[in-house]
N, C-alpha and C. Protein backbone atom coordinates (compact mmCIF):
# COMPACT_ATOMS: atom_id res chain seq x y z
N MET A 1 28.77 -29.06 -23.31
CA MET A 1 28.65 -27.71 -23.37
C MET A 1 27.74 -27.08 -24.73
N LYS A 2 27.35 -27.37 -25.50
CA LYS A 2 26.39 -26.99 -26.52
C LYS A 2 25.47 -25.87 -26.30
N TYR A 3 24.33 -26.07 -24.68
CA TYR A 3 24.02 -25.80 -23.83
C TYR A 3 23.24 -24.56 -23.04
N VAL A 4 25.16 -24.62 -22.50
CA VAL A 4 25.36 -23.36 -22.11
C VAL A 4 24.93 -22.45 -21.80
N ASP A 5 24.43 -22.20 -22.64
CA ASP A 5 24.61 -20.23 -22.85
C ASP A 5 22.97 -20.58 -23.43
N ALA A 6 21.75 -21.46 -23.15
CA ALA A 6 20.03 -21.02 -22.69
C ALA A 6 20.04 -21.66 -21.72
N ILE A 7 20.69 -21.97 -20.91
CA ILE A 7 20.86 -22.45 -19.67
C ILE A 7 21.28 -21.54 -18.54
N VAL A 8 22.19 -20.47 -18.85
CA VAL A 8 22.19 -19.97 -18.27
C VAL A 8 21.20 -18.13 -18.43
N ASP A 9 20.52 -18.34 -19.76
CA ASP A 9 19.31 -17.91 -19.66
C ASP A 9 18.04 -18.26 -19.19
N ILE A 10 18.16 -19.59 -19.23
CA ILE A 10 16.17 -19.58 -18.45
C ILE A 10 17.02 -19.09 -17.16
N GLY A 11 18.58 -19.43 -16.79
CA GLY A 11 18.55 -19.40 -15.00
C GLY A 11 18.11 -17.97 -14.42
N ASP A 12 18.86 -17.46 -15.45
CA ASP A 12 18.81 -15.42 -15.65
C ASP A 12 17.11 -15.31 -15.45
N LYS A 13 15.66 -15.79 -16.65
CA LYS A 13 14.68 -15.49 -16.72
C LYS A 13 13.96 -16.16 -15.32
N ALA A 14 15.25 -17.28 -14.71
CA ALA A 14 13.88 -17.58 -13.29
C ALA A 14 13.97 -16.84 -12.52
N GLY A 15 15.61 -16.83 -12.45
CA GLY A 15 15.77 -15.61 -11.07
C GLY A 15 15.28 -14.92 -10.89
N LYS A 16 15.13 -13.99 -12.17
CA LYS A 16 14.46 -12.26 -11.76
C LYS A 16 12.98 -13.00 -11.91
N GLU A 17 12.12 -14.04 -12.62
CA GLU A 17 10.90 -13.97 -11.74
C GLU A 17 10.66 -13.82 -11.08
N TYR A 18 12.22 -15.17 -9.94
CA TYR A 18 11.78 -15.46 -8.08
C TYR A 18 11.64 -14.47 -8.01
N ASN A 19 12.88 -13.19 -8.09
CA ASN A 19 12.61 -11.87 -7.11
C ASN A 19 11.89 -11.26 -6.78
N ILE A 20 10.78 -11.56 -8.36
CA ILE A 20 10.03 -10.45 -8.57
C ILE A 20 8.54 -11.32 -7.53
N GLU A 21 8.48 -12.49 -7.47
CA GLU A 21 7.44 -13.70 -6.67
C GLU A 21 7.77 -13.01 -4.95
N ALA A 22 9.70 -12.68 -4.55
CA ALA A 22 9.23 -12.98 -3.15
C ALA A 22 9.56 -11.64 -2.59
N LYS A 23 8.94 -10.59 -4.04
CA LYS A 23 8.85 -8.85 -4.15
C LYS A 23 7.77 -9.18 -2.73
N LEU A 24 6.59 -9.64 -3.86
CA LEU A 24 5.76 -9.66 -3.50
C LEU A 24 5.42 -10.34 -2.50
N ASN A 25 5.87 -11.56 -2.35
CA ASN A 25 4.98 -11.96 -0.96
C ASN A 25 5.32 -11.42 0.32
N GLU A 26 7.05 -10.98 0.00
CA GLU A 26 7.73 -9.51 0.75
C GLU A 26 6.25 -8.15 1.17
N MET A 27 6.13 -8.24 0.47
CA MET A 27 4.41 -6.86 0.97
C MET A 27 3.51 -6.79 1.19
N GLN A 28 2.85 -8.12 0.09
CA GLN A 28 1.46 -8.45 1.14
C GLN A 28 2.46 -8.86 2.55
N THR A 29 2.81 -10.11 2.68
CA THR A 29 2.99 -10.07 4.47
C THR A 29 3.71 -8.51 4.91
N LYS A 30 3.83 -7.35 4.64
CA LYS A 30 4.00 -6.86 5.66
C LYS A 30 3.13 -5.52 5.89
N TRP A 31 1.66 -6.29 4.80
CA TRP A 31 0.49 -5.29 4.65
C TRP A 31 -0.45 -6.44 6.26
N GLU A 32 0.44 -7.43 5.83
CA GLU A 32 -0.94 -8.43 6.95
C GLU A 32 -0.23 -7.73 9.10
N ASP A 33 0.59 -7.20 8.18
CA ASP A 33 1.40 -6.50 10.40
C ASP A 33 0.89 -5.44 10.08
N ILE A 34 0.89 -4.87 9.64
CA ILE A 34 0.59 -3.06 9.60
C ILE A 34 -1.00 -2.96 10.66
N ASN A 35 -0.59 -2.06 11.89
CA ASN A 35 -1.83 -1.69 12.47
C ASN A 35 -2.18 0.09 11.88
N PHE A 36 -3.63 0.15 12.21
CA PHE A 36 -3.83 1.75 11.95
C PHE A 36 -3.81 2.15 13.33
N ASN A 37 -3.14 2.88 14.06
CA ASN A 37 -3.16 3.11 15.39
C ASN A 37 -5.31 4.92 15.65
N VAL A 38 -6.16 3.79 16.57
CA VAL A 38 -6.93 4.78 16.74
C VAL A 38 -6.66 5.48 17.87
N LEU A 39 -7.12 6.17 17.91
CA LEU A 39 -6.58 7.64 19.28
C LEU A 39 -8.20 7.89 19.79
N GLN A 40 -8.35 7.89 21.23
CA GLN A 40 -10.34 9.26 21.16
C GLN A 40 -9.36 10.58 21.14
N TYR A 41 -10.32 11.03 20.63
CA TYR A 41 -10.24 12.74 19.63
C TYR A 41 -11.24 13.51 20.70
N LYS A 42 -11.23 14.26 21.99
CA LYS A 42 -12.26 15.21 22.63
C LYS A 42 -13.24 12.94 22.31
N THR A 43 -15.01 13.55 21.32
CA THR A 43 -15.99 12.98 21.61
C THR A 43 -15.62 11.64 20.21
N SER A 44 -14.92 11.88 19.61
CA SER A 44 -14.41 10.60 18.60
C SER A 44 -13.74 9.69 18.23
N TYR A 45 -13.30 9.44 17.89
CA TYR A 45 -11.99 8.70 17.72
C TYR A 45 -11.38 9.36 16.06
N ILE A 46 -9.60 9.29 15.81
CA ILE A 46 -8.66 9.47 14.69
C ILE A 46 -7.51 8.65 14.65
N ILE A 47 -7.34 8.84 13.61
CA ILE A 47 -6.42 7.14 13.39
C ILE A 47 -4.77 8.12 13.53
N LYS A 48 -3.89 7.82 14.45
CA LYS A 48 -3.02 8.41 14.16
C LYS A 48 -1.73 7.47 13.73
N GLY A 49 -0.18 8.36 13.44
CA GLY A 49 0.57 7.55 11.80
C GLY A 49 0.37 7.65 10.87
N TYR A 50 -0.22 8.40 9.95
CA TYR A 50 -0.46 8.37 8.59
C TYR A 50 1.29 8.42 8.32
N ASP A 51 1.77 9.04 8.22
CA ASP A 51 3.05 9.50 7.76
C ASP A 51 3.55 8.36 7.63
N ASP A 52 4.31 7.40 8.78
CA ASP A 52 4.55 6.05 8.16
C ASP A 52 4.01 4.58 7.45
N ILE A 53 2.95 5.14 7.39
CA ILE A 53 1.59 3.61 6.22
C ILE A 53 1.69 4.80 4.95
N ILE A 54 1.60 5.80 4.92
CA ILE A 54 1.85 6.11 3.71
C ILE A 54 3.39 5.90 3.14
N GLN A 55 4.08 6.47 4.21
CA GLN A 55 5.79 6.05 3.48
C GLN A 55 6.27 4.26 2.43
N VAL A 56 5.06 3.48 3.63
CA VAL A 56 5.19 2.13 3.37
C VAL A 56 4.24 2.38 2.06
N LEU A 57 3.09 3.36 1.90
CA LEU A 57 2.55 2.78 0.82
C LEU A 57 2.99 2.72 -0.73
N ASP A 58 3.91 4.05 -0.49
CA ASP A 58 4.40 4.11 -1.62
C ASP A 58 5.13 3.92 -2.35
N GLU A 59 6.13 3.94 -1.34
CA GLU A 59 6.73 2.71 -1.67
C GLU A 59 6.81 1.28 -1.84
N ASP A 60 5.58 0.40 -1.77
CA ASP A 60 4.63 -0.41 -2.06
C ASP A 60 4.07 0.43 -4.09
N ILE A 61 3.66 0.68 -3.94
CA ILE A 61 3.42 1.56 -5.00
C ILE A 61 4.02 1.33 -6.21
N VAL A 62 5.61 2.43 -5.66
CA VAL A 62 6.57 2.22 -6.85
C VAL A 62 7.02 0.82 -6.96
N SER A 63 6.64 -0.25 -5.58
CA SER A 63 7.56 -0.91 -5.63
C SER A 63 6.25 -1.86 -7.06
N THR A 64 5.16 -1.93 -6.76
CA THR A 64 4.48 -2.86 -7.49
C THR A 64 4.15 -2.13 -8.93
N GLN A 65 4.85 -0.95 -9.67
CA GLN A 65 4.01 -0.45 -10.61
C GLN A 65 5.81 -0.73 -11.61
N ALA A 66 6.87 -1.31 -10.58
CA ALA A 66 8.05 -1.69 -11.31
C ALA A 66 8.23 -2.96 -11.63
N MET A 67 6.75 -3.33 -11.59
CA MET A 67 7.67 -4.85 -11.28
C MET A 67 5.92 -5.11 -12.36
N LEU A 68 5.32 -3.73 -12.62
CA LEU A 68 4.03 -3.91 -13.77
C LEU A 68 4.71 -3.58 -15.63
N PHE A 69 5.84 -3.12 -15.34
CA PHE A 69 7.31 -2.72 -16.83
C PHE A 69 7.70 -4.09 -16.51
N SER A 70 8.00 -5.44 -15.64
CA SER A 70 9.30 -5.47 -16.05
C SER A 70 9.18 -6.73 -16.88
N PRO A 71 9.34 -7.47 -17.91
CA PRO A 71 9.06 -8.31 -19.41
C PRO A 71 8.91 -9.53 -18.40
N PHE A 72 9.35 -10.20 -16.48
CA PHE A 72 9.53 -11.37 -16.50
C PHE A 72 8.51 -11.45 -15.98
N LYS A 73 7.42 -10.10 -16.03
CA LYS A 73 6.00 -10.04 -15.04
C LYS A 73 4.91 -11.73 -15.74
N LYS A 74 5.10 -11.97 -16.66
CA LYS A 74 4.13 -13.13 -17.38
C LYS A 74 3.14 -14.23 -16.29
N PRO A 75 4.16 -14.42 -15.06
CA PRO A 75 3.44 -16.01 -14.35
C PRO A 75 2.52 -15.05 -13.41
N PHE A 76 3.22 -13.65 -12.44
CA PHE A 76 3.20 -13.03 -11.74
C PHE A 76 1.59 -11.69 -12.43
N GLU A 77 1.13 -11.31 -13.30
CA GLU A 77 1.10 -11.02 -14.10
C GLU A 77 -0.48 -10.34 -13.66
N LYS A 78 -1.33 -11.38 -13.15
CA LYS A 78 -2.88 -10.64 -12.48
C LYS A 78 -2.58 -10.74 -11.24
N ARG A 79 -1.74 -11.37 -10.65
CA ARG A 79 -1.19 -10.82 -8.75
C ARG A 79 -0.81 -10.02 -9.21
N ILE A 80 -0.25 -8.95 -9.29
CA ILE A 80 1.14 -7.88 -9.21
C ILE A 80 -0.46 -6.56 -9.79
N GLU A 81 -1.25 -7.01 -10.59
CA GLU A 81 -2.40 -5.96 -11.21
C GLU A 81 -3.80 -5.85 -10.10
N ASP A 82 -3.69 -7.10 -9.74
CA ASP A 82 -4.53 -7.19 -8.44
C ASP A 82 -3.97 -6.80 -6.96
N TRP A 83 -2.52 -7.05 -7.12
CA TRP A 83 -2.27 -5.81 -5.87
C TRP A 83 -2.43 -5.05 -5.83
N ASN A 84 -1.50 -4.11 -7.04
CA ASN A 84 -0.73 -2.88 -7.40
C ASN A 84 -2.72 -2.41 -7.44
N THR A 85 -3.95 -2.85 -6.88
CA THR A 85 -5.25 -2.29 -7.66
C THR A 85 -6.03 -2.03 -5.80
N THR A 86 -5.11 -3.16 -4.87
CA THR A 86 -5.33 -3.23 -3.89
C THR A 86 -4.50 -1.37 -2.62
N LEU A 87 -3.74 -1.97 -3.64
CA LEU A 87 -2.64 -0.63 -3.06
C LEU A 87 -3.19 1.23 -3.49
N LYS A 88 -3.94 0.59 -4.61
CA LYS A 88 -4.16 2.29 -5.21
C LYS A 88 -5.70 2.07 -4.68
N THR A 89 -6.11 1.89 -4.30
CA THR A 89 -7.50 1.49 -3.49
C THR A 89 -7.00 1.41 -1.78
N ILE A 90 -6.04 0.99 -0.67
CA ILE A 90 -5.81 1.83 -0.07
C ILE A 90 -5.38 2.90 0.41
N SER A 91 -4.71 4.14 -0.61
CA SER A 91 -3.89 5.02 -0.58
C SER A 91 -5.43 6.19 -0.74
N ASP A 92 -6.74 5.50 -1.64
CA ASP A 92 -7.45 6.31 -1.91
C ASP A 92 -8.02 6.89 -0.61
N VAL A 93 -8.52 5.73 -0.29
CA VAL A 93 -9.72 5.43 1.17
C VAL A 93 -8.00 6.43 2.14
N LEU A 94 -7.40 6.51 2.63
CA LEU A 94 -6.01 7.42 3.12
C LEU A 94 -6.15 8.39 2.92
N GLU A 95 -6.87 8.50 1.47
CA GLU A 95 -6.64 10.00 1.58
C GLU A 95 -7.79 10.61 2.01
N GLU A 96 -8.82 9.86 1.17
CA GLU A 96 -10.25 10.73 2.10
C GLU A 96 -9.83 10.28 3.03
N TRP A 97 -10.02 9.90 4.08
CA TRP A 97 -9.85 9.67 5.57
C TRP A 97 -9.14 10.96 5.74
N ALA A 98 -8.14 11.06 5.29
CA ALA A 98 -7.11 11.81 6.06
C ALA A 98 -8.06 13.82 5.88
N LYS A 99 -8.64 13.65 4.65
CA LYS A 99 -9.76 14.55 4.52
C LYS A 99 -9.99 14.93 5.64
N PHE A 100 -11.38 14.09 5.17
CA PHE A 100 -12.00 14.47 6.65
C PHE A 100 -11.71 14.83 8.22
N GLN A 101 -10.40 13.60 8.21
CA GLN A 101 -10.70 13.70 9.54
C GLN A 101 -9.90 14.98 9.80
N GLY A 102 -9.65 15.86 9.33
CA GLY A 102 -9.33 16.86 9.35
C GLY A 102 -9.58 18.39 9.29
N GLN A 103 -11.12 17.75 8.87
CA GLN A 103 -12.11 18.34 8.56
C GLN A 103 -12.88 18.57 9.67
N TRP A 104 -13.31 17.02 10.15
CA TRP A 104 -13.60 16.71 11.16
C TRP A 104 -12.70 17.63 12.50
N MET A 105 -12.27 17.27 13.05
CA MET A 105 -11.39 18.17 14.14
C MET A 105 -10.54 19.13 14.12
N TYR A 106 -11.47 20.36 12.65
CA TYR A 106 -11.34 21.84 12.96
C TYR A 106 -13.24 21.94 13.20
N LEU A 107 -13.44 21.35 12.74
CA LEU A 107 -15.48 20.99 12.26
C LEU A 107 -15.95 21.23 14.21
N GLN A 108 -15.13 20.37 14.76
CA GLN A 108 -15.80 19.17 15.81
C GLN A 108 -16.18 20.17 17.05
N PRO A 109 -15.25 21.47 17.49
CA PRO A 109 -15.68 22.10 17.74
C PRO A 109 -17.24 22.80 18.55
N ILE A 110 -17.66 23.07 16.83
CA ILE A 110 -18.40 24.13 16.22
C ILE A 110 -20.30 22.51 16.83
N PHE A 111 -19.37 21.48 16.80
CA PHE A 111 -20.52 20.71 17.64
C PHE A 111 -21.21 20.73 18.25
N ASP A 112 -19.42 21.28 19.59
CA ASP A 112 -19.63 20.32 20.70
C ASP A 112 -20.00 21.72 21.17
N SER A 113 -19.85 23.05 20.68
CA SER A 113 -20.50 24.09 21.72
C SER A 113 -22.34 23.56 22.30
N MET A 114 -22.48 24.30 23.73
CA MET A 114 -23.58 24.57 23.99
C MET A 114 -24.35 25.33 22.84
N ASP A 115 -23.48 26.21 23.15
CA ASP A 115 -24.89 27.84 22.11
C ASP A 115 -25.42 26.99 20.88
N ILE A 116 -24.37 26.70 20.25
CA ILE A 116 -25.39 26.10 19.10
C ILE A 116 -26.05 25.52 19.37
N ALA A 117 -25.34 24.22 19.82
CA ALA A 117 -26.96 23.06 19.79
C ALA A 117 -27.78 23.87 20.17
N LYS A 118 -27.98 24.80 21.14
CA LYS A 118 -29.56 25.66 21.30
C LYS A 118 -29.87 26.20 20.64
C-alpha cells in the first residue's frame, strides 16, 4: 500500500504518453491515405479538393503543436518535431500551389489566345 501513489502517478504518466503516441500514429496513418484529386483544366491539370485537405492539415497542425507543449512528450519529442516540420512543409507547398494554380487559371486564356500567340 505504501507504493500506491507512486504506481498511480507512473500509470497516469504512461497513459498520457500512450495517448500522444496513439494520436501521432493515427495522424501519420491518416496521411498515408490522403490523395490529391488532379483534374484536367483546359490544356493543363489542377488540384481539386483543397478545402478538405486544408481542414485535415489544420487540425493535425493544432494537435501536433499541442503535443509539443505537453510535459509528457519526451519519449516522442524528435518524432513530434519531425512530424510538425512535415505538416508545415505540406502547408507551405499547398499554399504556394494554390496561389500558382489560381494565377495560372487566370492567365491561361491569355496564353491560349491565338492572337497573342501570333
